[in-house]
Amino acid sequence: MQSLDCNEPIALYIASLYWAFATITSIGYGDISASAWNKEEQARPHGEPWFGVGVGLGLGLGLGLAYPYPYPYPYP
């Protein structure tokens, strides 16, 4: 891999834009992956989103029960 120390500023700027775009819009470059013998590395990417869903649903339900929004129309 070449070093970017001696390049001009515009080349560094373009390289940094590529890195930022690839990092934000994808799940990585494919050169780093979970090891086959470490099950925690394989389980965390699958478990953390479900943890976030559970926290979001719990907070939404809890706040909805604590502060009910008044329904402006009569029920049929």
PDB file of N, CA and C in Angstrom:
ATOM      1  N   MET A   1       0.838  -1.178   0.000  1.00  0.00           N
ATOM      2  CA  MET A   1       0.000   0.000   0.000  1.00  0.00           C
ATOM      3  C   MET A   1       0.880   1.237   0.000  1.00  0.00           C
ATOM      4  N   GLN A   2       0.519   2.204  -0.802  1.00  0.00           N
ATOM      5  CA  GLN A   2       1.335   3.404  -0.886  1.00  0.00           C
ATOM      6  C   GLN A   2       1.023   4.363   0.250  1.00  0.00           C
ATOM      7  N   SER A   3       2.001   5.138   0.601  1.00  0.00           N
ATOM      8  CA  SER A   3       1.822   6.123   1.650  1.00  0.00           C
ATOM      9  C   SER A   3       1.226   7.400   1.059  1.00  0.00           C
ATOM     10  N   LEU A   4       0.371   8.050   1.820  1.00  0.00           N
ATOM     11  CA  LEU A   4      -0.242   9.291   1.357  1.00  0.00           C
ATOM     12  C   LEU A   4       0.439  10.513   1.949  1.00  0.00           C
ATOM     13  N   ASP A   5       1.616  10.338   2.541  1.00  0.00           N
ATOM     14  CA  ASP A   5       2.297  11.452   3.192  1.00  0.00           C
ATOM     15  C   ASP A   5       2.813  12.493   2.212  1.00  0.00           C
ATOM     16  N   CYS A   6       3.257  12.081   1.030  1.00  0.00           N
ATOM     17  CA  CYS A   6       3.893  13.009   0.101  1.00  0.00           C
ATOM     18  C   CYS A   6       2.955  13.479  -1.000  1.00  0.00           C
ATOM     19  N   ASN A   7       1.714  13.115  -0.972  1.00  0.00           N
ATOM     20  CA  ASN A   7       0.782  13.531  -2.009  1.00  0.00           C
ATOM     21  C   ASN A   7       0.339  14.967  -1.795  1.00  0.00           C
ATOM     22  N   GLU A   8      -0.226  15.504  -2.836  1.00  0.00           N
ATOM     23  CA  GLU A   8      -0.731  16.866  -2.745  1.00  0.00           C
ATOM     24  C   GLU A   8      -2.014  16.889  -1.911  1.00  0.00           C
ATOM     25  N   PRO A   9      -2.376  18.055  -1.410  1.00  0.00           N
ATOM     26  CA  PRO A   9      -3.572  18.140  -0.563  1.00  0.00           C
ATOM     27  C   PRO A   9      -4.858  17.687  -1.262  1.00  0.00           C
ATOM     28  N   ILE A  10      -4.997  17.929  -2.555  1.00  0.00           N
ATOM     29  CA  ILE A  10      -6.221  17.520  -3.236  1.00  0.00           C
ATOM     30  C   ILE A  10      -6.334  15.995  -3.273  1.00  0.00           C
ATOM     31  N   ALA A  11      -5.210  15.295  -3.417  1.00  0.00           N
ATOM     32  CA  ALA A  11      -5.235  13.834  -3.411  1.00  0.00           C
ATOM     33  C   ALA A  11      -5.623  13.302  -2.039  1.00  0.00           C
ATOM     34  N   LEU A  12      -5.127  13.943  -0.994  1.00  0.00           N
ATOM     35  CA  LEU A  12      -5.510  13.548   0.364  1.00  0.00           C
ATOM     36  C   LEU A  12      -6.991  13.819   0.605  1.00  0.00           C
ATOM     37  N   TYR A  13      -7.484  14.922   0.086  1.00  0.00           N
ATOM     38  CA  TYR A  13      -8.896  15.269   0.244  1.00  0.00           C
ATOM     39  C   TYR A  13      -9.784  14.249  -0.461  1.00  0.00           C
ATOM     40  N   ILE A  14      -9.419  13.868  -1.671  1.00  0.00           N
ATOM     41  CA  ILE A  14     -10.200  12.876  -2.420  1.00  0.00           C
ATOM     42  C   ILE A  14     -10.151  11.522  -1.722  1.00  0.00           C
ATOM     43  N   ALA A  15      -8.984  11.137  -1.223  1.00  0.00           N
ATOM     44  CA  ALA A  15      -8.863   9.867  -0.511  1.00  0.00           C
ATOM     45  C   ALA A  15      -9.696   9.877   0.766  1.00  0.00           C
ATOM     46  N   SER A  16      -9.729  11.008   1.461  1.00  0.00           N
ATOM     47  CA  SER A  16     -10.525  11.074   2.686  1.00  0.00           C
ATOM     48  C   SER A  16     -12.012  11.064   2.377  1.00  0.00           C
ATOM     49  N   LEU A  17     -12.437  11.686   1.269  1.00  0.00           N
ATOM     50  CA  LEU A  17     -13.836  11.620   0.871  1.00  0.00           C
ATOM     51  C   LEU A  17     -14.243  10.193   0.518  1.00  0.00           C
ATOM     52  N   TYR A  18     -13.362   9.476  -0.189  1.00  0.00           N
ATOM     53  CA  TYR A  18     -13.645   8.074  -0.505  1.00  0.00           C
ATOM     54  C   TYR A  18     -13.787   7.263   0.775  1.00  0.00           C
ATOM     55  N   TRP A  19     -12.864   7.454   1.708  1.00  0.00           N
ATOM     56  CA  TRP A  19     -12.915   6.694   2.958  1.00  0.00           C
ATOM     57  C   TRP A  19     -14.204   6.989   3.722  1.00  0.00           C
ATOM     58  N   ALA A  20     -14.573   8.266   3.815  1.00  0.00           N
ATOM     59  CA  ALA A  20     -15.782   8.633   4.550  1.00  0.00           C
ATOM     60  C   ALA A  20     -17.025   8.082   3.858  1.00  0.00           C
ATOM     61  N   PHE A  21     -17.098   8.173   2.547  1.00  0.00           N
ATOM     62  CA  PHE A  21     -18.261   7.672   1.812  1.00  0.00           C
ATOM     63  C   PHE A  21     -18.383   6.157   1.948  1.00  0.00           C
ATOM     64  N   ALA A  22     -17.260   5.440   1.809  1.00  0.00           N
ATOM     65  CA  ALA A  22     -17.287   3.984   1.919  1.00  0.00           C
ATOM     66  C   ALA A  22     -17.612   3.542   3.343  1.00  0.00           C
ATOM     67  N   THR A  23     -17.175   4.296   4.325  1.00  0.00           N
ATOM     68  CA  THR A  23     -17.452   3.945   5.712  1.00  0.00           C
ATOM     69  C   THR A  23     -18.916   4.184   6.069  1.00  0.00           C
ATOM     70  N   ILE A  24     -19.479   5.286   5.610  1.00  0.00           N
ATOM     71  CA  ILE A  24     -20.854   5.624   5.969  1.00  0.00           C
ATOM     72  C   ILE A  24     -21.866   4.785   5.202  1.00  0.00           C
ATOM     73  N   THR A  25     -21.609   4.497   3.943  1.00  0.00           N
ATOM     74  CA  THR A  25     -22.622   3.854   3.103  1.00  0.00           C
ATOM     75  C   THR A  25     -22.500   2.347   3.010  1.00  0.00           C
ATOM     76  N   SER A  26     -21.548   1.741   3.670  1.00  0.00           N
ATOM     77  CA  SER A  26     -21.404   0.287   3.583  1.00  0.00           C
ATOM     78  C   SER A  26     -21.052  -0.276   4.949  1.00  0.00           C
ATOM     79  N   ILE A  27     -20.906  -1.580   4.995  1.00  0.00           N
ATOM     80  CA  ILE A  27     -20.577  -2.223   6.268  1.00  0.00           C
ATOM     81  C   ILE A  27     -19.092  -2.484   6.407  1.00  0.00           C
ATOM     82  N   GLY A  28     -18.300  -1.955   5.503  1.00  0.00           N
ATOM     83  CA  GLY A  28     -16.858  -2.090   5.612  1.00  0.00           C
ATOM     84  C   GLY A  28     -16.232  -2.413   4.276  1.00  0.00           C
ATOM     85  N   TYR A  29     -14.959  -2.682   4.305  1.00  0.00           N
ATOM     86  CA  TYR A  29     -14.195  -2.925   3.095  1.00  0.00           C
ATOM     87  C   TYR A  29     -13.995  -4.410   2.819  1.00  0.00           C
ATOM     88  N   GLY A  30     -14.324  -5.278   3.754  1.00  0.00           N
ATOM     89  CA  GLY A  30     -14.170  -6.705   3.557  1.00  0.00           C
ATOM     90  C   GLY A  30     -12.826  -7.252   3.983  1.00  0.00           C
ATOM     91  N   ASP A  31     -11.902  -6.406   4.375  1.00  0.00           N
ATOM     92  CA  ASP A  31     -10.595  -6.890   4.780  1.00  0.00           C
ATOM     93  C   ASP A  31     -10.535  -7.248   6.260  1.00  0.00           C
ATOM     94  N   ILE A  32     -11.513  -6.823   7.030  1.00  0.00           N
ATOM     95  CA  ILE A  32     -11.571  -7.159   8.450  1.00  0.00           C
ATOM     96  C   ILE A  32     -12.891  -7.874   8.694  1.00  0.00           C
ATOM     97  N   SER A  33     -12.825  -9.068   9.224  1.00  0.00           N
ATOM     98  CA  SER A  33     -14.036  -9.829   9.495  1.00  0.00           C
ATOM     99  C   SER A  33     -13.906 -10.531  10.843  1.00  0.00           C
ATOM    100  N   ALA A  34     -15.020 -11.043  11.332  1.00  0.00           N
ATOM    101  CA  ALA A  34     -15.011 -11.752  12.603  1.00  0.00           C
ATOM    102  C   ALA A  34     -14.243 -13.064  12.462  1.00  0.00           C
ATOM    103  N   SER A  35     -13.492 -13.397  13.490  1.00  0.00           N
ATOM    104  CA  SER A  35     -12.728 -14.645  13.447  1.00  0.00           C
ATOM    105  C   SER A  35     -13.658 -15.831  13.663  1.00  0.00           C
ATOM    106  N   ALA A  36     -13.300 -16.967  13.098  1.00  0.00           N
ATOM    107  CA  ALA A  36     -14.158 -18.151  13.149  1.00  0.00           C
ATOM    108  C   ALA A  36     -14.234 -18.751  14.548  1.00  0.00           C
ATOM    109  N   TRP A  37     -13.244 -18.534  15.382  1.00  0.00           N
ATOM    110  CA  TRP A  37     -13.225 -19.176  16.698  1.00  0.00           C
ATOM    111  C   TRP A  37     -13.776 -18.275  17.810  1.00  0.00           C
ATOM    112  N   ASN A  38     -14.068 -17.035  17.519  1.00  0.00           N
ATOM    113  CA  ASN A  38     -14.607 -16.141  18.537  1.00  0.00           C
ATOM    114  C   ASN A  38     -16.095 -15.935  18.275  1.00  0.00           C
ATOM    115  N   LYS A  39     -16.913 -16.632  19.012  1.00  0.00           N
ATOM    116  CA  LYS A  39     -18.366 -16.585  18.794  1.00  0.00           C
ATOM    117  C   LYS A  39     -18.964 -15.242  19.201  1.00  0.00           C
ATOM    118  N   GLU A  40     -18.337 -14.529  20.150  1.00  0.00           N
ATOM    119  CA  GLU A  40     -18.870 -13.223  20.558  1.00  0.00           C
ATOM    120  C   GLU A  40     -18.781 -12.224  19.407  1.00  0.00           C
ATOM    121  N   GLU A  41     -17.686 -12.260  18.645  1.00  0.00           N
ATOM    122  CA  GLU A  41     -17.554 -11.361  17.499  1.00  0.00           C
ATOM    123  C   GLU A  41     -18.616 -11.640  16.441  1.00  0.00           C
ATOM    124  N   GLN A  42     -19.048 -12.875  16.348  1.00  0.00           N
ATOM    125  CA  GLN A  42     -20.055 -13.226  15.360  1.00  0.00           C
ATOM    126  C   GLN A  42     -21.463 -12.930  15.866  1.00  0.00           C
ATOM    127  N   ALA A  43     -21.669 -12.988  17.177  1.00  0.00           N
ATOM    128  CA  ALA A  43     -23.009 -12.805  17.726  1.00  0.00           C
ATOM    129  C   ALA A  43     -23.360 -11.331  17.942  1.00  0.00           C
ATOM    130  N   ARG A  44     -22.388 -10.502  18.246  1.00  0.00           N
ATOM    131  CA  ARG A  44     -22.686  -9.102  18.564  1.00  0.00           C
ATOM    132  C   ARG A  44     -23.334  -8.344  17.423  1.00  0.00           C
ATOM    133  N   PRO A  45     -22.890  -8.462  16.170  1.00  0.00           N
ATOM    134  CA  PRO A  45     -23.561  -7.706  15.106  1.00  0.00           C
ATOM    135  C   PRO A  45     -25.014  -8.124  14.898  1.00  0.00           C
ATOM    136  N   HIS A  46     -25.377  -9.318  15.319  1.00  0.00           N
ATOM    137  CA  HIS A  46     -26.757  -9.770  15.177  1.00  0.00           C
ATOM    138  C   HIS A  46     -27.596  -9.425  16.404  1.00  0.00           C
ATOM    139  N   GLY A  47     -26.963  -9.374  17.565  1.00  0.00           N
ATOM    140  CA  GLY A  47     -27.708  -9.133  18.790  1.00  0.00           C
ATOM    141  C   GLY A  47     -27.923  -7.673  19.120  1.00  0.00           C
ATOM    142  N   GLU A  48     -26.984  -6.826  18.771  1.00  0.00           N
ATOM    143  CA  GLU A  48     -27.096  -5.414  19.130  1.00  0.00           C
ATOM    144  C   GLU A  48     -28.278  -4.712  18.458  1.00  0.00           C
ATOM    145  N   PRO A  49     -28.582  -4.961  17.200  1.00  0.00           N
ATOM    146  CA  PRO A  49     -29.782  -4.318  16.647  1.00  0.00           C
ATOM    147  C   PRO A  49     -31.058  -4.747  17.354  1.00  0.00           C
ATOM    148  N   TRP A  50     -31.149  -6.000  17.748  1.00  0.00           N
ATOM    149  CA  TRP A  50     -32.344  -6.462  18.469  1.00  0.00           C
ATOM    150  C   TRP A  50     -32.419  -5.844  19.853  1.00  0.00           C
ATOM    151  N   PHE A  51     -31.272  -5.605  20.456  1.00  0.00           N
ATOM    152  CA  PHE A  51     -31.255  -4.907  21.735  1.00  0.00           C
ATOM    153  C   PHE A  51     -31.801  -3.486  21.569  1.00  0.00           C
ATOM    154  N   GLY A  52     -31.388  -2.809  20.497  1.00  0.00           N
ATOM    155  CA  GLY A  52     -31.899  -1.467  20.214  1.00  0.00           C
ATOM    156  C   GLY A  52     -33.388  -1.460  19.937  1.00  0.00           C
ATOM    157  N   VAL A  53     -33.872  -2.471  19.228  1.00  0.00           N
ATOM    158  CA  VAL A  53     -35.311  -2.575  18.976  1.00  0.00           C
ATOM    159  C   VAL A  53     -36.050  -2.763  20.295  1.00  0.00           C
ATOM    160  N   GLY A  54     -35.538  -3.601  21.163  1.00  0.00           N
ATOM    161  CA  GLY A  54     -36.173  -3.829  22.455  1.00  0.00           C
ATOM    162  C   GLY A  54     -36.190  -2.575  23.313  1.00  0.00           C
ATOM    163  N   VAL A  55     -35.094  -1.840  23.334  1.00  0.00           N
ATOM    164  CA  VAL A  55     -35.051  -0.602  24.114  1.00  0.00           C
ATOM    165  C   VAL A  55     -36.033   0.407  23.537  1.00  0.00           C
ATOM    166  N   GLY A  56     -36.071   0.541  22.211  1.00  0.00           N
ATOM    167  CA  GLY A  56     -36.993   1.489  21.587  1.00  0.00           C
ATOM    168  C   GLY A  56     -38.444   1.140  21.840  1.00  0.00           C
ATOM    169  N   LEU A  57     -38.777  -0.134  21.711  1.00  0.00           N
ATOM    170  CA  LEU A  57     -40.153  -0.546  21.975  1.00  0.00           C
ATOM    171  C   LEU A  57     -40.515  -0.385  23.446  1.00  0.00           C
ATOM    172  N   GLY A  58     -39.588  -0.719  24.316  1.00  0.00           N
ATOM    173  CA  GLY A  58     -39.850  -0.572  25.748  1.00  0.00           C
ATOM    174  C   GLY A  58     -40.056   0.881  26.138  1.00  0.00           C
ATOM    175  N   LEU A  59     -39.201   1.762  25.615  1.00  0.00           N
ATOM    176  CA  LEU A  59     -39.379   3.182  25.927  1.00  0.00           C
ATOM    177  C   LEU A  59     -40.664   3.726  25.322  1.00  0.00           C
ATOM    178  N   GLY A  60     -40.962   3.329  24.092  1.00  0.00           N
ATOM    179  CA  GLY A  60     -42.190   3.806  23.465  1.00  0.00           C
ATOM    180  C   GLY A  60     -43.426   3.341  24.200  1.00  0.00           C
ATOM    181  N   LEU A  61     -43.434   2.081  24.587  1.00  0.00           N
ATOM    182  CA  LEU A  61     -44.585   1.562  25.324  1.00  0.00           C
ATOM    183  C   LEU A  61     -44.677   2.195  26.708  1.00  0.00           C
ATOM    184  N   GLY A  62     -43.554   2.293  27.379  1.00  0.00           N
ATOM    185  CA  GLY A  62     -43.559   2.874  28.720  1.00  0.00           C
ATOM    186  C   GLY A  62     -43.989   4.329  28.712  1.00  0.00           C
ATOM    187  N   LEU A  63     -43.468   5.108  27.791  1.00  0.00           N
ATOM    188  CA  LEU A  63     -43.857   6.516  27.724  1.00  0.00           C
ATOM    189  C   LEU A  63     -45.287   6.669  27.231  1.00  0.00           C
ATOM    190  N   GLY A  64     -45.714   5.770  26.355  1.00  0.00           N
ATOM    191  CA  GLY A  64     -47.091   5.828  25.890  1.00  0.00           C
ATOM    192  C   GLY A  64     -48.078   5.526  26.995  1.00  0.00           C
ATOM    193  N   LEU A  65     -47.706   4.632  27.885  1.00  0.00           N
ATOM    194  CA  LEU A  65     -48.591   4.334  29.017  1.00  0.00           C
ATOM    195  C   LEU A  65     -48.518   5.419  30.082  1.00  0.00           C
ATOM    196  N   ALA A  66     -47.354   6.028  30.238  1.00  0.00           N
ATOM    197  CA  ALA A  66     -47.200   7.052  31.264  1.00  0.00           C
ATOM    198  C   ALA A  66     -47.840   8.372  30.843  1.00  0.00           C
ATOM    199  N   TYR A  67     -47.730   8.707  29.578  1.00  0.00           N
ATOM    200  CA  TYR A  67     -48.272   9.968  29.066  1.00  0.00           C
ATOM    201  C   TYR A  67     -49.152   9.679  27.859  1.00  0.00           C
ATOM    202  N   PRO A  68     -50.371   9.209  28.061  1.00  0.00           N
ATOM    203  CA  PRO A  68     -51.221   8.875  26.914  1.00  0.00           C
ATOM    204  C   PRO A  68     -51.631  10.129  26.149  1.00  0.00           C
ATOM    205  N   TYR A  69     -51.594  10.026  24.846  1.00  0.00           N
ATOM    206  CA  TYR A  69     -52.003  11.127  23.991  1.00  0.00           C
ATOM    207  C   TYR A  69     -53.524  11.122  23.890  1.00  0.00           C
ATOM    208  N   PRO A  70     -54.172  12.235  24.179  1.00  0.00           N
ATOM    209  CA  PRO A  70     -55.634  12.251  24.122  1.00  0.00           C
ATOM    210  C   PRO A  70     -56.119  12.137  22.673  1.00  0.00           C
ATOM    211  N   TYR A  71     -56.976  11.204  22.450  1.00  0.00           N
ATOM    212  CA  TYR A  71     -57.544  10.985  21.119  1.00  0.00           C
ATOM    213  C   TYR A  71     -58.603  12.049  20.866  1.00  0.00           C
ATOM    214  N   PRO A  72     -58.461  12.906  19.840  1.00  0.00           N
ATOM    215  CA  PRO A  72     -59.361  14.054  19.690  1.00  0.00           C
ATOM    216  C   PRO A  72     -60.755  13.694  19.152  1.00  0.00           C
ATOM    217  N   TYR A  73     -60.947  12.495  18.630  1.00  0.00           N
ATOM    218  CA  TYR A  73     -62.232  12.151  18.041  1.00  0.00           C
ATOM    219  C   TYR A  73     -62.921  11.087  18.897  1.00  0.00           C
ATOM    220  N   PRO A  74     -64.232  11.093  18.923  1.00  0.00           N
ATOM    221  CA  PRO A  74     -64.916  10.070  19.711  1.00  0.00           C
ATOM    222  C   PRO A  74     -64.742   8.689  19.060  1.00  0.00           C
ATOM    223  N   TYR A  75     -64.623   7.691  19.885  1.00  0.00           N
ATOM    224  CA  TYR A  75     -64.500   6.329  19.379  1.00  0.00           C
ATOM    225  C   TYR A  75     -65.843   5.886  18.785  1.00  0.00           C
ATOM    226  N   PRO A  76     -65.816   5.103  17.716  1.00  0.00           N
ATOM    227  CA  PRO A  76     -67.107   4.666  17.102  1.00  0.00           C
ATOM    228  C   PRO A  76     -67.856   3.689  17.978  1.00  0.00           C
TER     229      PRO A  76
END
